[in-house]
Amino acid sequence: MENNYLTETLEKLVGIPSPSGFTEKAIRFVSEELQRYGYRPWITRKGACVVSLGGEGSPLVLNAHVDTLGAMVKSLKSNGRIEFTCIGGYTMFSVEGENCLIHTKTGRVLTGTIQSTSPSVHVFEDAGRKERKLQNMEIRVDEIVKSKEDLKKLGIEAGDFISIDPRFAITATGFIKCRHLDDKAGVAVMLDLARRVKEEKLDIKRRVYLFFSAYEEVGHGASAGIPEEAEEIISIDMGAVGDTLESSEYAVSICAKDSNGPYDSRVVRALVETARANSVDYTVDIYPFYGSDTGVSLRAGYDVRFGLLGPGVEASHAYERTHIRALRNSSDLISHYVSTSLV
């Protein structure tokens, strides 16, 4: 049977702006979705959503993050443009020409476009060669504004959040193209697990918690609020695709090592054994420039086994792409994993 829940939920999630620090609506969506299936989630003081799926045995926490890349108003320029600062790590090449939303503190939402300060080849001699760095970028607001004062009259000020248009699309061939697959694809996989426990009567062999963090992109998402009884934490986050890596847009990627070091070999082996035993399409890989919420939890002092898996995503932190098969393989692997007690 086709699992449309994954793609339908993912589309809803990416349609909710949620740069790090601006995640209340996304967390509310997650909480309400869990309640719809009869769960009783709670929200931590830091703004994460946590829920128990039930089960008995060694407590396992699965983690994904609802927060995404974005920006914030840094200052208002005399020409009526906005100077911005980044939330999360991305290149200016990856956002140039992208539409965005400016979320004022009064609740007003304005549209705009991220562009170079020399955007036109017909006007600026350096349009092609100008270095794409933050100092050379600005946001053009879709209002009649010619000065800093005009921007102020719209209610725009420093500290307002800026979200980037995700441009969600699914092709007839099963590819999913949009921004913020990192990590709304992982959030959709975790919500699908919650659905399967209820609708498909999935028999879980562990006590399983889901932890949806809100500050992963800025480095401290899962640093607090993890259930104290946790013995194992696995992050469900995107698998990096490209260069000489084995990961693919069609498979679930099991990470053996990232920039912080190796993942727990017991967990990696158990995930591989589970994938093989259940004919799940998987890869094992090393991500050279990557960190996850699992690493944040370890640095915060949690004494746990730890792992990382997720759907393969190409062009991470840009206009990303994966395939529905990668989502299904990720969902299948984690569903089979919680139904066993290999570790």
Protein backbone atom coordinates (compact mmCIF):
# COMPACT_ATOMS: atom_id res chain seq x y z
CA MET A 1 0.00 0.00 0.00
CA GLU A 2 1.27 3.46 -0.88
CA ASN A 3 2.30 5.52 2.14
CA ASN A 4 1.05 8.97 1.17
CA TYR A 5 1.21 10.09 4.79
CA LEU A 6 4.94 10.73 4.49
CA THR A 7 4.75 13.10 1.54
CA GLU A 8 1.53 14.79 2.65
CA THR A 9 2.95 15.44 6.12
CA LEU A 10 6.27 16.61 4.71
CA GLU A 11 4.52 19.12 2.45
CA LYS A 12 2.57 20.51 5.41
CA LEU A 13 5.73 20.76 7.51
CA VAL A 14 7.83 22.61 4.94
CA GLY A 15 4.95 25.03 4.47
CA ILE A 16 5.33 26.20 8.08
CA PRO A 17 8.17 28.76 8.42
CA SER A 18 10.45 27.68 11.26
CA PRO A 19 13.97 29.13 11.31
CA SER A 20 15.77 28.31 14.56
CA GLY A 21 14.18 30.41 17.28
CA PHE A 22 10.89 30.79 15.39
CA THR A 23 9.50 27.28 15.70
CA GLU A 24 6.33 27.62 17.78
CA LYS A 25 3.96 26.96 14.85
CA ALA A 26 5.93 23.95 13.64
CA ILE A 27 6.08 22.49 17.15
CA ARG A 28 2.35 23.11 17.53
CA PHE A 29 1.71 21.22 14.28
CA VAL A 30 3.76 18.26 15.53
CA SER A 31 2.02 18.26 18.90
CA GLU A 32 -1.46 18.42 17.35
CA GLU A 33 -0.61 15.64 14.90
CA LEU A 34 0.50 13.40 17.76
CA GLN A 35 -2.64 14.22 19.73
CA ARG A 36 -4.72 13.32 16.68
CA TYR A 37 -3.40 9.77 17.04
CA GLY A 38 -4.17 9.65 20.73
CA TYR A 39 -0.75 10.48 22.18
CA ARG A 40 -0.08 12.92 25.01
CA PRO A 41 2.96 15.03 24.00
CA TRP A 42 4.49 17.71 26.18
CA ILE A 43 6.50 20.82 25.42
CA THR A 44 9.78 21.52 27.22
CA ARG A 45 10.69 24.95 28.57
CA LYS A 46 13.09 25.30 25.64
CA GLY A 47 10.31 24.63 23.14
CA ALA A 48 10.94 21.01 22.11
CA CYS A 49 8.08 18.53 21.73
CA VAL A 50 8.41 15.15 23.47
CA VAL A 51 6.11 12.13 23.44
CA SER A 52 6.14 8.53 24.61
CA LEU A 53 4.99 5.92 22.11
CA GLY A 54 4.79 3.34 24.90
CA GLY A 55 6.53 -0.01 24.94
CA GLU A 56 8.74 -1.72 27.48
CA GLY A 57 12.46 -2.43 27.64
CA SER A 58 15.63 -0.40 27.13
CA PRO A 59 14.45 3.23 26.65
CA LEU A 60 15.18 4.62 23.18
CA VAL A 61 14.86 8.27 22.16
CA LEU A 62 14.43 9.09 18.47
CA ASN A 63 15.22 12.70 17.64
CA ALA A 64 14.53 15.01 14.69
CA HIS A 65 14.55 18.80 14.46
CA VAL A 66 11.79 21.09 13.22
CA ASP A 67 14.02 24.16 12.96
CA THR A 68 15.53 25.16 9.64
CA LEU A 69 17.95 27.59 8.09
CA GLY A 70 16.76 31.17 7.82
CA ALA A 71 17.82 34.72 8.56
CA MET A 72 17.14 37.72 10.78
CA VAL A 73 16.95 41.43 10.14
CA LYS A 74 20.27 42.96 11.18
CA SER A 75 19.70 46.58 10.17
CA LEU A 76 17.64 48.80 7.91
CA LYS A 77 19.54 50.41 5.06
CA SER A 78 19.18 53.99 3.87
CA ASN A 79 18.13 52.76 0.40
CA GLY A 80 15.10 50.90 1.79
CA ARG A 81 16.74 47.48 1.66
CA ILE A 82 17.37 45.09 4.58
CA GLU A 83 20.75 43.93 5.82
CA PHE A 84 20.40 40.44 7.26
CA THR A 85 22.31 37.93 9.35
CA CYS A 86 22.20 34.17 8.76
CA ILE A 87 20.50 31.62 10.99
CA GLY A 88 22.39 28.39 10.38
CA GLY A 89 25.13 27.73 7.86
CA TYR A 90 24.64 28.21 4.13
CA THR A 91 26.29 29.87 1.17
CA MET A 92 25.04 33.07 -0.41
CA PHE A 93 25.05 31.32 -3.80
CA SER A 94 22.37 28.95 -2.48
CA VAL A 95 19.91 31.72 -1.57
CA GLU A 96 20.57 34.43 -4.15
CA GLY A 97 17.36 35.24 -6.01
CA GLU A 98 15.21 33.34 -3.51
CA ASN A 99 11.92 34.72 -2.25
CA CYS A 100 11.49 35.14 1.48
CA LEU A 101 9.09 36.26 4.20
CA ILE A 102 9.86 38.90 6.82
CA HIS A 103 8.02 38.14 10.07
CA THR A 104 7.65 41.30 12.16
CA LYS A 105 7.23 41.21 15.92
CA THR A 106 3.70 42.58 15.57
CA GLY A 107 2.67 39.57 13.48
CA ARG A 108 2.77 41.26 10.10
CA VAL A 109 4.33 39.17 7.30
CA LEU A 110 5.95 40.89 4.34
CA THR A 111 7.43 39.37 1.20
CA GLY A 112 10.84 40.02 -0.29
CA THR A 113 13.75 38.66 -2.29
CA ILE A 114 17.33 37.89 -1.27
CA GLN A 115 19.77 39.34 -3.80
CA SER A 116 23.21 40.71 -4.41
CA THR A 117 23.80 44.43 -4.01
CA SER A 118 24.75 44.30 -7.73
CA PRO A 119 21.86 42.20 -9.04
CA SER A 120 21.57 43.32 -12.68
CA VAL A 121 24.06 42.54 -15.44
CA HIS A 122 22.63 45.47 -17.41
CA VAL A 123 23.48 47.98 -14.69
CA PHE A 124 26.40 46.75 -12.60
CA GLU A 125 29.75 45.99 -14.15
CA ASP A 126 30.64 43.69 -11.25
CA ALA A 127 27.31 41.78 -11.25
CA GLY A 128 28.97 38.54 -12.29
CA ARG A 129 32.24 38.77 -10.41
CA LYS A 130 31.09 40.37 -7.16
CA GLU A 131 31.88 38.06 -4.27
CA ARG A 132 28.77 36.44 -2.87
CA LYS A 133 29.37 37.09 0.80
CA LEU A 134 26.97 38.37 3.45
CA GLN A 135 28.22 41.96 3.25
CA ASN A 136 27.31 42.03 -0.46
CA MET A 137 23.77 40.72 -0.03
CA GLU A 138 20.49 42.41 0.90
CA ILE A 139 16.75 41.85 0.92
CA ARG A 140 14.49 43.78 -1.43
CA VAL A 141 11.08 44.23 0.22
CA ASP A 142 7.94 44.06 -1.92
CA GLU A 143 6.59 47.39 -0.69
CA ILE A 144 7.04 50.97 -1.85
CA VAL A 145 10.06 51.79 0.28
CA LYS A 146 12.93 54.14 -0.49
CA SER A 147 14.46 54.77 2.92
CA LYS A 148 15.13 53.38 6.37
CA GLU A 149 12.16 55.38 7.64
CA ASP A 150 9.85 53.71 5.12
CA LEU A 151 10.90 50.30 6.43
CA LYS A 152 10.26 51.39 10.01
CA LYS A 153 6.73 52.48 9.07
CA LEU A 154 6.08 48.91 7.92
CA GLY A 155 7.01 47.68 11.40
CA ILE A 156 10.29 46.10 10.30
CA GLU A 157 13.14 46.26 12.81
CA ALA A 158 16.27 44.43 13.89
CA GLY A 159 15.57 40.97 15.25
CA ASP A 160 12.66 40.16 12.95
CA PHE A 161 12.84 36.62 11.58
CA ILE A 162 13.19 35.87 7.87
CA SER A 163 12.11 32.55 6.36
CA ILE A 164 13.16 31.30 2.93
CA ASP A 165 10.62 30.04 0.38
CA PRO A 166 10.84 26.21 0.43
CA ARG A 167 9.46 25.77 -3.12
CA PHE A 168 8.06 22.30 -2.42
CA ALA A 169 7.55 20.05 -5.47
CA ILE A 170 7.03 16.34 -6.11
CA THR A 171 7.78 15.01 -9.60
CA ALA A 172 5.93 12.23 -11.41
CA THR A 173 9.09 10.13 -10.94
CA GLY A 174 8.98 10.37 -7.15
CA PHE A 175 11.58 13.05 -6.51
CA ILE A 176 10.88 15.58 -3.77
CA LYS A 177 12.52 18.97 -4.29
CA CYS A 178 12.43 21.72 -1.70
CA ARG A 179 14.37 23.56 0.95
CA HIS A 180 14.37 22.31 4.52
CA LEU A 181 14.31 18.57 3.86
CA ASP A 182 16.93 18.99 6.56
CA ASP A 183 15.22 18.05 8.75
CA LYS A 184 11.54 18.15 8.03
CA ALA A 185 11.96 14.87 6.17
CA GLY A 186 13.19 13.38 9.46
CA VAL A 187 10.24 14.89 11.34
CA ALA A 188 7.84 13.34 8.81
CA VAL A 189 9.53 9.94 9.27
CA MET A 190 9.12 10.16 13.05
CA LEU A 191 5.47 11.19 12.79
CA ASP A 192 4.96 8.26 10.42
CA LEU A 193 6.35 5.94 13.08
CA ALA A 194 3.83 7.32 15.57
CA ARG A 195 1.07 6.72 13.00
CA ARG A 196 2.22 3.15 12.33
CA VAL A 197 2.24 2.29 16.03
CA LYS A 198 -1.44 3.26 16.22
CA GLU A 199 -2.83 2.39 12.79
CA GLU A 200 -0.75 -0.68 11.97
CA LYS A 201 -0.50 -1.88 15.58
CA LEU A 202 3.29 -1.92 15.34
CA ASP A 203 4.62 -4.08 18.19
CA ILE A 204 7.48 -2.09 19.70
CA LYS A 205 9.99 -3.99 21.83
CA ARG A 206 11.53 -0.92 23.46
CA ARG A 207 10.20 1.98 25.48
CA VAL A 208 10.25 4.59 22.72
CA TYR A 209 10.21 8.37 22.98
CA LEU A 210 10.13 10.89 20.15
CA PHE A 211 11.99 14.17 20.72
CA PHE A 212 11.43 17.03 18.27
CA SER A 213 14.07 19.70 18.89
CA ALA A 214 13.96 23.36 17.90
CA TYR A 215 17.56 24.64 17.83
CA GLU A 216 19.63 22.02 15.96
CA GLU A 217 20.75 24.33 13.16
CA VAL A 218 22.39 26.65 15.68
CA GLY A 219 24.07 23.90 17.68
CA HIS A 220 22.13 23.27 20.88
CA GLY A 221 18.90 21.51 19.90
CA ALA A 222 18.97 18.32 21.98
CA SER A 223 21.15 19.67 24.78
CA ALA A 224 18.30 19.53 27.32
CA GLY A 225 14.92 17.93 27.84
CA ILE A 226 15.81 14.39 26.79
CA PRO A 227 13.95 11.88 29.03
CA GLU A 228 16.33 11.03 31.85
CA GLU A 229 15.80 7.28 31.55
CA ALA A 230 17.12 7.27 27.96
CA GLU A 231 19.73 4.57 27.29
CA GLU A 232 20.03 5.21 23.56
CA ILE A 233 19.51 8.23 21.28
CA ILE A 234 19.23 8.04 17.50
CA SER A 235 18.91 11.18 15.40
CA ILE A 236 16.74 10.93 12.30
CA ASP A 237 18.36 13.53 10.09
CA MET A 238 19.25 13.82 6.42
CA GLY A 239 21.95 11.67 4.87
CA ALA A 240 24.53 13.74 2.96
CA VAL A 241 24.80 12.83 -0.74
CA GLY A 242 27.69 13.68 -3.06
CA ASP A 243 31.39 13.39 -3.87
CA THR A 244 32.72 9.91 -2.99
CA LEU A 245 30.02 9.13 -0.42
CA GLU A 246 28.00 5.94 -0.81
CA SER A 247 24.72 7.55 0.27
CA SER A 248 21.92 7.90 -2.26
CA GLU A 249 18.65 9.76 -2.70
CA TYR A 250 16.81 6.42 -2.78
CA ALA A 251 18.13 4.79 0.39
CA VAL A 252 18.27 5.33 4.12
CA SER A 253 21.77 6.37 5.13
CA ILE A 254 23.33 5.02 8.33
CA CYS A 255 26.12 7.28 9.53
CA ALA A 256 29.25 5.61 10.90
CA LYS A 257 31.18 8.85 11.51
CA ASP A 258 30.73 12.60 11.15
CA SER A 259 32.95 15.58 11.91
CA ASN A 260 32.62 14.89 15.64
CA GLY A 261 33.89 11.32 15.39
CA PRO A 262 32.51 7.76 15.15
CA TYR A 263 28.99 6.80 16.13
CA ASP A 264 28.44 3.93 18.56
CA SER A 265 29.48 0.79 16.69
CA ARG A 266 26.87 -1.28 18.54
CA VAL A 267 24.11 0.94 17.21
CA VAL A 268 25.56 1.08 13.70
CA ARG A 269 25.81 -2.73 13.58
CA ALA A 270 22.29 -3.17 14.92
CA LEU A 271 20.88 -0.77 12.33
CA VAL A 272 22.74 -2.55 9.52
CA GLU A 273 21.56 -5.97 10.75
CA THR A 274 17.98 -4.70 10.94
CA ALA A 275 18.15 -3.28 7.40
CA ARG A 276 19.59 -6.48 5.98
CA ALA A 277 17.10 -8.72 7.80
CA ASN A 278 14.16 -6.74 6.46
CA SER A 279 15.38 -5.98 2.90
CA VAL A 280 15.60 -2.24 3.54
CA ASP A 281 17.69 -0.36 0.96
CA TYR A 282 20.48 1.27 3.00
CA THR A 283 24.00 2.68 2.81
CA VAL A 284 26.63 3.21 5.48
CA ASP A 285 28.59 6.40 5.18
CA ILE A 286 30.87 9.03 6.68
CA TYR A 287 29.89 12.71 6.58
CA PRO A 288 33.02 14.89 6.64
CA PHE A 289 31.35 18.24 7.45
CA TYR A 290 28.35 17.33 9.57
CA GLY A 291 27.09 17.32 13.14
CA SER A 292 23.80 16.09 14.60
CA ASP A 293 21.62 16.55 17.66
CA THR A 294 23.03 13.27 18.95
CA GLY A 295 26.43 14.90 19.30
CA VAL A 296 24.83 17.82 21.13
CA SER A 297 23.25 15.40 23.64
CA LEU A 298 26.58 13.69 24.25
CA ARG A 299 28.34 17.01 24.88
CA ALA A 300 25.55 17.91 27.29
CA GLY A 301 26.49 14.85 29.35
CA TYR A 302 23.88 12.22 28.46
CA ASP A 303 25.27 8.73 29.05
CA VAL A 304 23.72 6.87 26.12
CA ARG A 305 24.38 4.69 23.12
CA PHE A 306 24.06 6.86 20.03
CA GLY A 307 23.39 6.70 16.31
CA LEU A 308 22.29 8.63 13.24
CA LEU A 309 20.25 7.69 10.18
CA GLY A 310 18.09 9.41 7.61
CA PRO A 311 16.98 9.69 4.00
CA GLY A 312 19.67 10.59 1.49
CA VAL A 313 19.42 14.27 0.52
CA GLU A 314 21.36 15.93 -2.30
CA ALA A 315 22.42 19.61 -2.23
CA SER A 316 21.98 19.92 1.54
CA HIS A 317 21.48 23.44 2.89
CA ALA A 318 20.50 24.59 -0.61
CA TYR A 319 17.58 23.61 -2.85
CA GLU A 320 17.55 20.01 -1.69
CA ARG A 321 16.30 16.84 -3.33
CA THR A 322 15.44 13.33 -2.17
CA HIS A 323 13.18 10.53 -3.40
CA ILE A 324 10.07 9.04 -1.86
CA ARG A 325 11.95 5.72 -1.70
CA ALA A 326 14.45 7.25 0.74
CA LEU A 327 11.63 8.38 3.01
CA ARG A 328 10.00 4.95 2.91
CA ASN A 329 13.29 3.16 3.56
CA SER A 330 13.96 5.43 6.53
CA SER A 331 10.48 4.83 7.92
CA ASP A 332 10.78 1.07 7.38
CA LEU A 333 14.20 0.84 9.03
CA ILE A 334 13.20 2.70 12.17
CA SER A 335 9.90 0.78 12.39
CA HIS A 336 11.73 -2.55 12.22
CA TYR A 337 14.40 -1.29 14.63
CA VAL A 338 11.94 -0.44 17.40
CA SER A 339 10.31 -3.82 16.86
CA THR A 340 13.55 -5.65 17.75
CA SER A 341 15.96 -5.63 20.68
CA LEU A 342 19.31 -6.14 18.97
CA VAL A 343 21.31 -3.63 21.05
